[in-house]
Amino acid sequence: PFAATLADDRDRGRVVGYVMTGLLLGT
């Protein structure tokens, strides 16, 4: 949610998606 807060509305899904890439790779 910190990443989502930093992002703009236009690319919030993309920013969260990239951060989630790290989470999924860790998983």
PDB file of all heavy atoms in Angstrom:
ATOM      1  N   PRO A   1       0.813  -1.222   0.000  1.00  0.00           N
ATOM      2  CA  PRO A   1       0.000   0.000   0.000  1.00  0.00           C
ATOM      3  C   PRO A   1       0.844   1.268   0.000  1.00  0.00           C
ATOM      4  O   PRO A   1       0.404   2.315  -0.478  1.00  0.00           O
ATOM      5  CB  PRO A   1      -0.838  -0.117   1.276  1.00  0.00           C
ATOM      6  CG  PRO A   1      -0.156  -1.127   2.114  1.00  0.00           C
ATOM      7  CD  PRO A   1       0.504  -2.061   1.170  1.00  0.00           C
ATOM      8  N   PHE A   2       2.055   1.193   0.535  1.00  0.00           N
ATOM      9  CA  PHE A   2       2.963   2.331   0.454  1.00  0.00           C
ATOM     10  C   PHE A   2       3.286   2.638  -1.008  1.00  0.00           C
ATOM     11  O   PHE A   2       3.265   3.792  -1.435  1.00  0.00           O
ATOM     12  CB  PHE A   2       4.235   2.023   1.243  1.00  0.00           C
ATOM     13  CG  PHE A   2       5.258   3.128   1.236  1.00  0.00           C
ATOM     14  CD1 PHE A   2       4.901   4.434   1.492  1.00  0.00           C
ATOM     15  CD2 PHE A   2       6.592   2.851   0.972  1.00  0.00           C
ATOM     16  CE1 PHE A   2       5.840   5.457   1.487  1.00  0.00           C
ATOM     17  CE2 PHE A   2       7.544   3.860   0.956  1.00  0.00           C
ATOM     18  CZ  PHE A   2       7.164   5.166   1.218  1.00  0.00           C
ATOM     19  N   ALA A   3       3.555   1.611  -1.794  1.00  0.00           N
ATOM     20  CA  ALA A   3       3.805   1.800  -3.230  1.00  0.00           C
ATOM     21  C   ALA A   3       2.575   2.374  -3.926  1.00  0.00           C
ATOM     22  O   ALA A   3       2.677   3.260  -4.781  1.00  0.00           O
ATOM     23  CB  ALA A   3       4.204   0.472  -3.872  1.00  0.00           C
ATOM     24  N   ALA A   4       1.390   1.875  -3.550  1.00  0.00           N
ATOM     25  CA  ALA A   4       0.155   2.381  -4.153  1.00  0.00           C
ATOM     26  C   ALA A   4      -0.071   3.850  -3.807  1.00  0.00           C
ATOM     27  O   ALA A   4      -0.574   4.626  -4.623  1.00  0.00           O
ATOM     28  CB  ALA A   4      -1.031   1.539  -3.676  1.00  0.00           C
ATOM     29  N   THR A   5       0.315   4.247  -2.621  1.00  0.00           N
ATOM     30  CA  THR A   5       0.166   5.638  -2.199  1.00  0.00           C
ATOM     31  C   THR A   5       1.108   6.557  -2.971  1.00  0.00           C
ATOM     32  O   THR A   5       0.747   7.685  -3.326  1.00  0.00           O
ATOM     33  CB  THR A   5       0.445   5.754  -0.686  1.00  0.00           C
ATOM     34  OG1 THR A   5      -0.519   4.969   0.017  1.00  0.00           O
ATOM     35  CG2 THR A   5       0.352   7.189  -0.209  1.00  0.00           C
ATOM     36  N   LEU A   6       2.305   6.072  -3.267  1.00  0.00           N
ATOM     37  CA  LEU A   6       3.270   6.876  -4.009  1.00  0.00           C
ATOM     38  C   LEU A   6       2.878   7.064  -5.472  1.00  0.00           C
ATOM     39  O   LEU A   6       3.262   8.051  -6.099  1.00  0.00           O
ATOM     40  CB  LEU A   6       4.656   6.220  -3.938  1.00  0.00           C
ATOM     41  CG  LEU A   6       5.323   6.172  -2.556  1.00  0.00           C
ATOM     42  CD1 LEU A   6       6.609   5.352  -2.630  1.00  0.00           C
ATOM     43  CD2 LEU A   6       5.616   7.570  -2.039  1.00  0.00           C
ATOM     44  N   ALA A   7       2.106   6.117  -6.032  1.00  0.00           N
ATOM     45  CA  ALA A   7       1.795   6.129  -7.461  1.00  0.00           C
ATOM     46  C   ALA A   7       0.615   7.047  -7.772  1.00  0.00           C
ATOM     47  O   ALA A   7      -0.237   7.315  -6.922  1.00  0.00           O
ATOM     48  CB  ALA A   7       1.495   4.720  -7.935  1.00  0.00           C
ATOM     49  N   ASP A   8       0.569   7.510  -9.028  1.00  0.00           N
ATOM     50  CA  ASP A   8      -0.574   8.275  -9.525  1.00  0.00           C
ATOM     51  C   ASP A   8      -1.702   7.326  -9.917  1.00  0.00           C
ATOM     52  O   ASP A   8      -1.476   6.130 -10.154  1.00  0.00           O
ATOM     53  CB  ASP A   8      -0.177   9.095 -10.753  1.00  0.00           C
ATOM     54  CG  ASP A   8       0.798  10.215 -10.417  1.00  0.00           C
ATOM     55  OD1 ASP A   8       0.895  10.576  -9.226  1.00  0.00           O
ATOM     56  OD2 ASP A   8       1.470  10.708 -11.344  1.00  0.00           O
ATOM     57  N   ASP A   9      -2.912   7.892 -10.086  1.00  0.00           N
ATOM     58  CA  ASP A   9      -4.052   7.077 -10.503  1.00  0.00           C
ATOM     59  C   ASP A   9      -3.820   6.419 -11.864  1.00  0.00           C
ATOM     60  O   ASP A   9      -4.252   5.293 -12.096  1.00  0.00           O
ATOM     61  CB  ASP A   9      -5.320   7.940 -10.586  1.00  0.00           C
ATOM     62  CG  ASP A   9      -5.862   8.289  -9.207  1.00  0.00           C
ATOM     63  OD1 ASP A   9      -5.459   7.638  -8.234  1.00  0.00           O
ATOM     64  OD2 ASP A   9      -6.685   9.225  -9.123  1.00  0.00           O
ATOM     65  N   ARG A  10      -3.123   7.108 -12.752  1.00  0.00           N
ATOM     66  CA  ARG A  10      -2.980   6.613 -14.127  1.00  0.00           C
ATOM     67  C   ARG A  10      -2.167   5.335 -14.218  1.00  0.00           C
ATOM     68  O   ARG A  10      -2.330   4.554 -15.168  1.00  0.00           O
ATOM     69  CB  ARG A  10      -2.343   7.684 -15.022  1.00  0.00           C
ATOM     70  CG  ARG A  10      -0.911   8.037 -14.627  1.00  0.00           C
ATOM     71  CD  ARG A  10      -0.270   9.019 -15.598  1.00  0.00           C
ATOM     72  NE  ARG A  10       1.040   9.448 -15.143  1.00  0.00           N
ATOM     73  CZ  ARG A  10       2.158   8.747 -15.311  1.00  0.00           C
ATOM     74  NH1 ARG A  10       2.100   7.585 -15.930  1.00  0.00           N
ATOM     75  NH2 ARG A  10       3.314   9.211 -14.871  1.00  0.00           N
ATOM     76  N   ASP A  11      -1.270   5.080 -13.265  1.00  0.00           N
ATOM     77  CA  ASP A  11      -0.438   3.878 -13.373  1.00  0.00           C
ATOM     78  C   ASP A  11      -0.320   3.123 -12.048  1.00  0.00           C
ATOM     79  O   ASP A  11       0.613   2.372 -11.854  1.00  0.00           O
ATOM     80  CB  ASP A  11       0.958   4.226 -13.907  1.00  0.00           C
ATOM     81  CG  ASP A  11       1.776   5.098 -12.956  1.00  0.00           C
ATOM     82  OD1 ASP A  11       1.244   5.513 -11.909  1.00  0.00           O
ATOM     83  OD2 ASP A  11       2.949   5.355 -13.255  1.00  0.00           O
ATOM     84  N   ARG A  12      -1.307   3.310 -11.176  1.00  0.00           N
ATOM     85  CA  ARG A  12      -1.240   2.635  -9.883  1.00  0.00           C
ATOM     86  C   ARG A  12      -1.246   1.118 -10.047  1.00  0.00           C
ATOM     87  O   ARG A  12      -0.500   0.395  -9.377  1.00  0.00           O
ATOM     88  CB  ARG A  12      -2.398   3.075  -8.980  1.00  0.00           C
ATOM     89  CG  ARG A  12      -2.334   2.462  -7.586  1.00  0.00           C
ATOM     90  CD  ARG A  12      -3.292   3.133  -6.619  1.00  0.00           C
ATOM     91  NE  ARG A  12      -2.846   4.476  -6.304  1.00  0.00           N
ATOM     92  CZ  ARG A  12      -3.495   5.581  -6.671  1.00  0.00           C
ATOM     93  NH1 ARG A  12      -4.625   5.504  -7.355  1.00  0.00           N
ATOM     94  NH2 ARG A  12      -3.026   6.772  -6.369  1.00  0.00           N
ATOM     95  N   GLY A  13      -2.073   0.614 -10.958  1.00  0.00           N
ATOM     96  CA  GLY A  13      -2.101  -0.821 -11.196  1.00  0.00           C
ATOM     97  C   GLY A  13      -0.773  -1.345 -11.691  1.00  0.00           C
ATOM     98  O   GLY A  13      -0.330  -2.432 -11.301  1.00  0.00           O
ATOM     99  N   ARG A  14      -0.101  -0.563 -12.533  1.00  0.00           N
ATOM    100  CA  ARG A  14       1.192  -0.997 -13.069  1.00  0.00           C
ATOM    101  C   ARG A  14       2.260  -0.997 -11.977  1.00  0.00           C
ATOM    102  O   ARG A  14       3.071  -1.925 -11.886  1.00  0.00           O
ATOM    103  CB  ARG A  14       1.606  -0.069 -14.221  1.00  0.00           C
ATOM    104  CG  ARG A  14       2.801  -0.550 -15.017  1.00  0.00           C
ATOM    105  CD  ARG A  14       2.775  -0.073 -16.463  1.00  0.00           C
ATOM    106  NE  ARG A  14       2.700   1.366 -16.577  1.00  0.00           N
ATOM    107  CZ  ARG A  14       3.689   2.134 -17.089  1.00  0.00           C
ATOM    108  NH1 ARG A  14       4.814   1.579 -17.478  1.00  0.00           N
ATOM    109  NH2 ARG A  14       3.526   3.422 -17.199  1.00  0.00           N
ATOM    110  N   VAL A  15       2.294   0.057 -11.147  1.00  0.00           N
ATOM    111  CA  VAL A  15       3.277   0.122 -10.064  1.00  0.00           C
ATOM    112  C   VAL A  15       3.067  -1.032  -9.080  1.00  0.00           C
ATOM    113  O   VAL A  15       4.010  -1.737  -8.705  1.00  0.00           O
ATOM    114  CB  VAL A  15       3.202   1.477  -9.333  1.00  0.00           C
ATOM    115  CG1 VAL A  15       4.024   1.460  -8.054  1.00  0.00           C
ATOM    116  CG2 VAL A  15       3.692   2.594 -10.246  1.00  0.00           C
ATOM    117  N   VAL A  16       1.812  -1.235  -8.665  1.00  0.00           N
ATOM    118  CA  VAL A  16       1.519  -2.340  -7.763  1.00  0.00           C
ATOM    119  C   VAL A  16       1.883  -3.666  -8.425  1.00  0.00           C
ATOM    120  O   VAL A  16       2.419  -4.577  -7.788  1.00  0.00           O
ATOM    121  CB  VAL A  16       0.033  -2.319  -7.346  1.00  0.00           C
ATOM    122  CG1 VAL A  16      -0.354  -3.608  -6.616  1.00  0.00           C
ATOM    123  CG2 VAL A  16      -0.251  -1.116  -6.456  1.00  0.00           C
ATOM    124  N   GLY A  17       1.627  -3.782  -9.725  1.00  0.00           N
ATOM    125  CA  GLY A  17       1.975  -4.995 -10.448  1.00  0.00           C
ATOM    126  C   GLY A  17       3.464  -5.279 -10.424  1.00  0.00           C
ATOM    127  O   GLY A  17       3.890  -6.421 -10.219  1.00  0.00           O
ATOM    128  N   TYR A  18       4.279  -4.236 -10.621  1.00  0.00           N
ATOM    129  CA  TYR A  18       5.732  -4.432 -10.598  1.00  0.00           C
ATOM    130  C   TYR A  18       6.220  -4.822  -9.204  1.00  0.00           C
ATOM    131  O   TYR A  18       7.104  -5.679  -9.065  1.00  0.00           O
ATOM    132  CB  TYR A  18       6.444  -3.165 -11.070  1.00  0.00           C
ATOM    133  CG  TYR A  18       6.327  -2.915 -12.557  1.00  0.00           C
ATOM    134  CD1 TYR A  18       6.193  -1.622 -13.063  1.00  0.00           C
ATOM    135  CD2 TYR A  18       6.344  -3.964 -13.454  1.00  0.00           C
ATOM    136  CE1 TYR A  18       6.082  -1.385 -14.417  1.00  0.00           C
ATOM    137  CE2 TYR A  18       6.230  -3.739 -14.811  1.00  0.00           C
ATOM    138  CZ  TYR A  18       6.099  -2.450 -15.293  1.00  0.00           C
ATOM    139  OH  TYR A  18       5.992  -2.233 -16.643  1.00  0.00           O
ATOM    140  N   VAL A  19       5.676  -4.189  -8.174  1.00  0.00           N
ATOM    141  CA  VAL A  19       6.056  -4.565  -6.812  1.00  0.00           C
ATOM    142  C   VAL A  19       5.616  -6.001  -6.527  1.00  0.00           C
ATOM    143  O   VAL A  19       6.336  -6.792  -5.915  1.00  0.00           O
ATOM    144  CB  VAL A  19       5.451  -3.587  -5.783  1.00  0.00           C
ATOM    145  CG1 VAL A  19       5.708  -4.063  -4.363  1.00  0.00           C
ATOM    146  CG2 VAL A  19       6.045  -2.195  -5.979  1.00  0.00           C
ATOM    147  N   MET A  20       4.438  -6.358  -7.035  1.00  0.00           N
ATOM    148  CA  MET A  20       3.949  -7.721  -6.870  1.00  0.00           C
ATOM    149  C   MET A  20       4.807  -8.736  -7.622  1.00  0.00           C
ATOM    150  O   MET A  20       4.858  -9.914  -7.249  1.00  0.00           O
ATOM    151  CB  MET A  20       2.502  -7.812  -7.346  1.00  0.00           C
ATOM    152  CG  MET A  20       1.501  -7.212  -6.383  1.00  0.00           C
ATOM    153  SD  MET A  20       1.436  -8.104  -4.811  1.00  0.00           S
ATOM    154  CE  MET A  20       0.887  -9.704  -5.369  1.00  0.00           C
ATOM    155  N   THR A  21       5.496  -8.286  -8.693  1.00  0.00           N
ATOM    156  CA  THR A  21       6.429  -9.190  -9.375  1.00  0.00           C
ATOM    157  C   THR A  21       7.489  -9.680  -8.397  1.00  0.00           C
ATOM    158  O   THR A  21       7.814 -10.867  -8.349  1.00  0.00           O
ATOM    159  CB  THR A  21       7.113  -8.478 -10.559  1.00  0.00           C
ATOM    160  OG1 THR A  21       6.124  -8.109 -11.532  1.00  0.00           O
ATOM    161  CG2 THR A  21       8.147  -9.381 -11.228  1.00  0.00           C
ATOM    162  N   GLY A  22       8.030  -8.761  -7.593  1.00  0.00           N
ATOM    163  CA  GLY A  22       9.007  -9.150  -6.584  1.00  0.00           C
ATOM    164  C   GLY A  22       8.414 -10.100  -5.565  1.00  0.00           C
ATOM    165  O   GLY A  22       9.040 -11.104  -5.190  1.00  0.00           O
ATOM    166  N   LEU A  23       7.188  -9.808  -5.128  1.00  0.00           N
ATOM    167  CA  LEU A  23       6.555 -10.670  -4.146  1.00  0.00           C
ATOM    168  C   LEU A  23       6.334 -12.070  -4.712  1.00  0.00           C
ATOM    169  O   LEU A  23       6.599 -13.080  -4.048  1.00  0.00           O
ATOM    170  CB  LEU A  23       5.234 -10.045  -3.699  1.00  0.00           C
ATOM    171  CG  LEU A  23       4.506 -10.749  -2.547  1.00  0.00           C
ATOM    172  CD1 LEU A  23       3.844  -9.712  -1.634  1.00  0.00           C
ATOM    173  CD2 LEU A  23       3.442 -11.695  -3.085  1.00  0.00           C
ATOM    174  N   LEU A  24       5.863 -12.145  -5.962  1.00  0.00           N
ATOM    175  CA  LEU A  24       5.608 -13.448  -6.565  1.00  0.00           C
ATOM    176  C   LEU A  24       6.898 -14.210  -6.830  1.00  0.00           C
ATOM    177  O   LEU A  24       6.957 -15.430  -6.656  1.00  0.00           O
ATOM    178  CB  LEU A  24       4.814 -13.269  -7.859  1.00  0.00           C
ATOM    179  CG  LEU A  24       3.371 -12.794  -7.656  1.00  0.00           C
ATOM    180  CD1 LEU A  24       2.761 -12.364  -8.982  1.00  0.00           C
ATOM    181  CD2 LEU A  24       2.529 -13.896  -7.020  1.00  0.00           C
ATOM    182  N   LEU A  25       7.944 -13.496  -7.240  1.00  0.00           N
ATOM    183  CA  LEU A  25       9.234 -14.161  -7.426  1.00  0.00           C
ATOM    184  C   LEU A  25       9.740 -14.727  -6.101  1.00  0.00           C
ATOM    185  O   LEU A  25      10.298 -15.835  -6.054  1.00  0.00           O
ATOM    186  CB  LEU A  25      10.257 -13.191  -8.013  1.00  0.00           C
ATOM    187  CG  LEU A  25      10.127 -12.895  -9.506  1.00  0.00           C
ATOM    188  CD1 LEU A  25      11.091 -11.788  -9.919  1.00  0.00           C
ATOM    189  CD2 LEU A  25      10.397 -14.157 -10.335  1.00  0.00           C
ATOM    190  N   GLY A  26       9.543 -13.977  -5.027  1.00  0.00           N
ATOM    191  CA  GLY A  26       9.930 -14.480  -3.717  1.00  0.00           C
ATOM    192  C   GLY A  26       9.141 -15.724  -3.345  1.00  0.00           C
ATOM    193  O   GLY A  26       9.697 -16.700  -2.828  1.00  0.00           O
ATOM    194  N   THR A  27       7.840 -15.716  -3.642  1.00  0.00           N
ATOM    195  CA  THR A  27       7.002 -16.871  -3.361  1.00  0.00           C
ATOM    196  C   THR A  27       7.475 -18.101  -4.132  1.00  0.00           C
ATOM    197  O   THR A  27       7.594 -19.200  -3.582  1.00  0.00           O
ATOM    198  CB  THR A  27       5.536 -16.566  -3.730  1.00  0.00           C
ATOM    199  OG1 THR A  27       5.096 -15.430  -2.993  1.00  0.00           O
ATOM    200  CG2 THR A  27       4.633 -17.746  -3.428  1.00  0.00           C
TER     201      THR A  27
END
